[in-house]
């Protein structure tokens, strides 16, 4: 028999069994799942934007002219 993988709930840190029967995985409960969904909906999770003057980003004035 294969060993059941145990992961931490990303919301509260409780141990969670990673099995198909756990319909909330990777969360431990419906509550933690809803808290995480609310954080996404209120834009608490964000990808940082490139800082102004970042060498990886070109300004419109730096781009070559299009013919």
N, C-alpha and C. Protein backbone atom coordinates (compact mmCIF):
# COMPACT_ATOMS: atom_id res chain seq x y z
N UNK A 1 0.84 -1.19 0.00
CA UNK A 1 0.00 0.00 0.00
C UNK A 1 0.88 1.25 0.00
N UNK A 2 0.55 2.20 -0.86
CA UNK A 2 1.32 3.43 -0.95
C UNK A 2 1.05 4.33 0.26
N UNK A 3 2.08 5.06 0.64
CA UNK A 3 1.95 5.96 1.77
C UNK A 3 1.18 7.21 1.35
N UNK A 4 0.26 7.67 2.20
CA UNK A 4 -0.55 8.85 1.90
C UNK A 4 0.30 10.09 2.14
N UNK A 5 0.29 10.98 1.16
CA UNK A 5 1.07 12.22 1.27
C UNK A 5 0.31 13.21 2.17
N UNK A 6 1.02 13.81 3.08
CA UNK A 6 0.47 14.83 3.97
C UNK A 6 1.09 16.17 3.59
N UNK A 7 0.23 17.18 3.35
CA UNK A 7 0.68 18.53 3.02
C UNK A 7 0.09 19.49 4.03
N UNK A 8 0.63 20.71 4.06
CA UNK A 8 0.09 21.73 4.94
C UNK A 8 -0.98 22.52 4.20
N UNK A 9 -2.06 22.84 4.89
CA UNK A 9 -3.09 23.71 4.34
C UNK A 9 -2.45 25.06 4.09
N UNK A 10 -2.57 25.60 2.87
CA UNK A 10 -1.93 26.88 2.58
C UNK A 10 -2.51 28.05 3.37
N UNK A 11 -3.69 27.87 3.94
CA UNK A 11 -4.32 28.95 4.68
C UNK A 11 -3.96 28.92 6.17
N UNK A 12 -4.14 27.77 6.81
CA UNK A 12 -3.95 27.70 8.26
C UNK A 12 -2.76 26.84 8.70
N UNK A 13 -2.22 26.05 7.79
CA UNK A 13 -1.06 25.23 8.12
C UNK A 13 -1.38 23.87 8.71
N UNK A 14 -2.65 23.53 8.82
CA UNK A 14 -3.04 22.23 9.37
C UNK A 14 -2.61 21.12 8.41
N UNK A 15 -2.29 19.94 8.95
CA UNK A 15 -1.94 18.82 8.07
C UNK A 15 -3.16 18.34 7.27
N UNK A 16 -2.94 18.08 5.99
CA UNK A 16 -4.02 17.67 5.09
C UNK A 16 -3.60 16.42 4.35
N UNK A 17 -4.46 15.42 4.31
CA UNK A 17 -4.18 14.20 3.54
C UNK A 17 -4.45 14.49 2.07
N UNK A 18 -3.47 14.21 1.20
CA UNK A 18 -3.59 14.46 -0.24
C UNK A 18 -4.16 13.20 -0.90
N UNK A 19 -5.48 13.08 -0.81
CA UNK A 19 -6.18 11.93 -1.37
C UNK A 19 -7.39 12.43 -2.16
N UNK A 20 -7.83 11.68 -3.16
CA UNK A 20 -8.98 12.11 -3.97
C UNK A 20 -10.25 12.34 -3.14
N UNK A 21 -10.40 11.65 -2.04
CA UNK A 21 -11.58 11.79 -1.20
C UNK A 21 -11.65 13.15 -0.51
N UNK A 22 -10.52 13.84 -0.41
CA UNK A 22 -10.49 15.16 0.22
C UNK A 22 -10.88 16.20 -0.83
N UNK A 23 -12.14 16.60 -0.83
CA UNK A 23 -12.63 17.49 -1.88
C UNK A 23 -12.15 18.93 -1.72
N UNK A 24 -11.53 19.27 -0.59
CA UNK A 24 -11.04 20.62 -0.37
C UNK A 24 -9.54 20.76 -0.63
N UNK A 25 -8.87 19.69 -0.98
CA UNK A 25 -7.41 19.76 -1.11
C UNK A 25 -6.99 20.85 -2.07
N UNK A 26 -5.97 21.56 -1.84
CA UNK A 26 -4.97 21.42 -0.79
C UNK A 26 -5.38 22.02 0.56
N UNK A 27 -6.61 22.49 0.67
CA UNK A 27 -7.08 23.08 1.93
C UNK A 27 -7.62 22.02 2.85
N UNK A 28 -7.71 22.37 4.13
CA UNK A 28 -8.20 21.40 5.11
C UNK A 28 -9.71 21.42 5.23
N UNK A 29 -10.34 22.52 4.81
CA UNK A 29 -11.79 22.65 4.98
C UNK A 29 -12.37 23.64 3.98
N UNK A 30 -13.68 23.67 3.91
CA UNK A 30 -14.39 24.64 3.08
C UNK A 30 -14.06 26.06 3.54
N UNK A 31 -13.95 26.25 4.84
CA UNK A 31 -13.65 27.59 5.39
C UNK A 31 -12.33 28.12 4.85
N UNK A 32 -11.27 27.33 4.93
CA UNK A 32 -9.96 27.77 4.43
C UNK A 32 -10.00 28.02 2.93
N UNK A 33 -10.73 27.19 2.22
CA UNK A 33 -10.86 27.37 0.78
C UNK A 33 -11.54 28.70 0.46
N UNK A 34 -12.59 29.05 1.20
CA UNK A 34 -13.32 30.29 0.97
C UNK A 34 -12.50 31.52 1.37
N UNK A 35 -11.72 31.41 2.43
CA UNK A 35 -10.85 32.51 2.84
C UNK A 35 -9.85 32.81 1.72
N UNK A 36 -9.26 31.77 1.15
CA UNK A 36 -8.30 31.94 0.06
C UNK A 36 -8.97 32.54 -1.18
N UNK A 37 -10.16 32.08 -1.51
CA UNK A 37 -10.90 32.62 -2.65
C UNK A 37 -11.20 34.10 -2.43
N UNK A 38 -11.58 34.46 -1.21
CA UNK A 38 -11.83 35.87 -0.89
C UNK A 38 -10.60 36.73 -1.05
N UNK A 39 -9.44 36.18 -0.68
CA UNK A 39 -8.19 36.93 -0.83
C UNK A 39 -7.89 37.18 -2.30
N UNK A 40 -8.15 36.20 -3.15
CA UNK A 40 -7.96 36.40 -4.59
C UNK A 40 -8.94 37.44 -5.12
N UNK A 41 -10.20 37.34 -4.69
CA UNK A 41 -11.23 38.26 -5.18
C UNK A 41 -10.95 39.70 -4.77
N UNK A 42 -10.37 39.91 -3.59
CA UNK A 42 -10.07 41.27 -3.14
C UNK A 42 -8.68 41.72 -3.56
N UNK A 43 -8.04 40.92 -4.41
CA UNK A 43 -6.72 41.23 -4.97
C UNK A 43 -5.63 41.36 -3.92
N UNK A 44 -5.71 40.54 -2.87
CA UNK A 44 -4.65 40.51 -1.86
C UNK A 44 -3.38 39.85 -2.40
N UNK A 45 -3.55 38.94 -3.35
CA UNK A 45 -2.41 38.28 -3.98
C UNK A 45 -2.09 39.06 -5.26
N UNK A 46 -0.86 39.53 -5.36
CA UNK A 46 -0.48 40.32 -6.53
C UNK A 46 0.90 39.90 -7.02
N UNK A 47 1.10 40.05 -8.30
CA UNK A 47 2.41 39.85 -8.89
C UNK A 47 3.06 41.23 -8.96
N UNK A 48 4.25 41.40 -8.40
CA UNK A 48 4.86 42.73 -8.40
C UNK A 48 5.14 43.22 -9.82
N UNK A 49 4.87 44.49 -10.04
CA UNK A 49 5.14 45.12 -11.34
C UNK A 49 6.61 45.49 -11.41
N UNK A 50 7.12 45.60 -12.62
CA UNK A 50 8.50 46.01 -12.80
C UNK A 50 8.66 47.46 -12.35
N UNK A 51 9.73 47.74 -11.65
CA UNK A 51 9.99 49.09 -11.18
C UNK A 51 10.34 49.99 -12.36
N UNK A 52 10.03 51.28 -12.25
CA UNK A 52 10.34 52.21 -13.32
C UNK A 52 11.86 52.25 -13.49
N UNK A 53 12.31 52.18 -14.71
CA UNK A 53 13.73 52.19 -14.98
C UNK A 53 14.37 50.81 -14.90
N UNK A 54 13.54 49.78 -14.78
CA UNK A 54 14.04 48.41 -14.74
C UNK A 54 14.65 48.08 -16.11
N UNK A 55 15.88 47.61 -16.17
CA UNK A 55 16.52 47.35 -17.47
C UNK A 55 15.79 46.32 -18.32
N UNK A 56 14.95 45.48 -17.74
CA UNK A 56 14.23 44.48 -18.51
C UNK A 56 13.00 45.03 -19.19
N UNK A 57 12.64 46.26 -18.90
CA UNK A 57 11.44 46.86 -19.47
C UNK A 57 11.81 48.05 -20.34
N UNK A 58 11.22 48.14 -21.52
CA UNK A 58 11.50 49.26 -22.43
C UNK A 58 10.38 50.27 -22.35
N UNK A 59 10.74 51.55 -22.38
CA UNK A 59 9.77 52.62 -22.48
C UNK A 59 9.41 52.80 -23.94
N UNK A 60 8.27 53.43 -24.21
CA UNK A 60 7.83 53.65 -25.60
C UNK A 60 8.87 54.47 -26.36
N UNK A 61 9.53 55.42 -25.70
CA UNK A 61 10.52 56.25 -26.38
C UNK A 61 11.81 55.49 -26.68
N UNK A 62 12.04 54.37 -26.02
CA UNK A 62 13.25 53.58 -26.23
C UNK A 62 13.11 52.57 -27.37
N UNK A 63 11.87 52.34 -27.82
CA UNK A 63 11.63 51.33 -28.85
C UNK A 63 12.02 51.89 -30.21
N UNK A 64 12.50 51.03 -31.09
CA UNK A 64 12.83 51.49 -32.45
C UNK A 64 11.56 51.88 -33.20
N UNK A 65 11.69 52.83 -34.11
CA UNK A 65 10.55 53.32 -34.89
C UNK A 65 10.05 52.22 -35.83
N UNK A 66 8.74 52.14 -35.97
CA UNK A 66 8.11 51.16 -36.86
C UNK A 66 7.85 51.81 -38.21
N UNK A 67 8.11 51.13 -39.31
CA UNK A 67 7.85 51.66 -40.66
C UNK A 67 6.49 51.28 -41.12
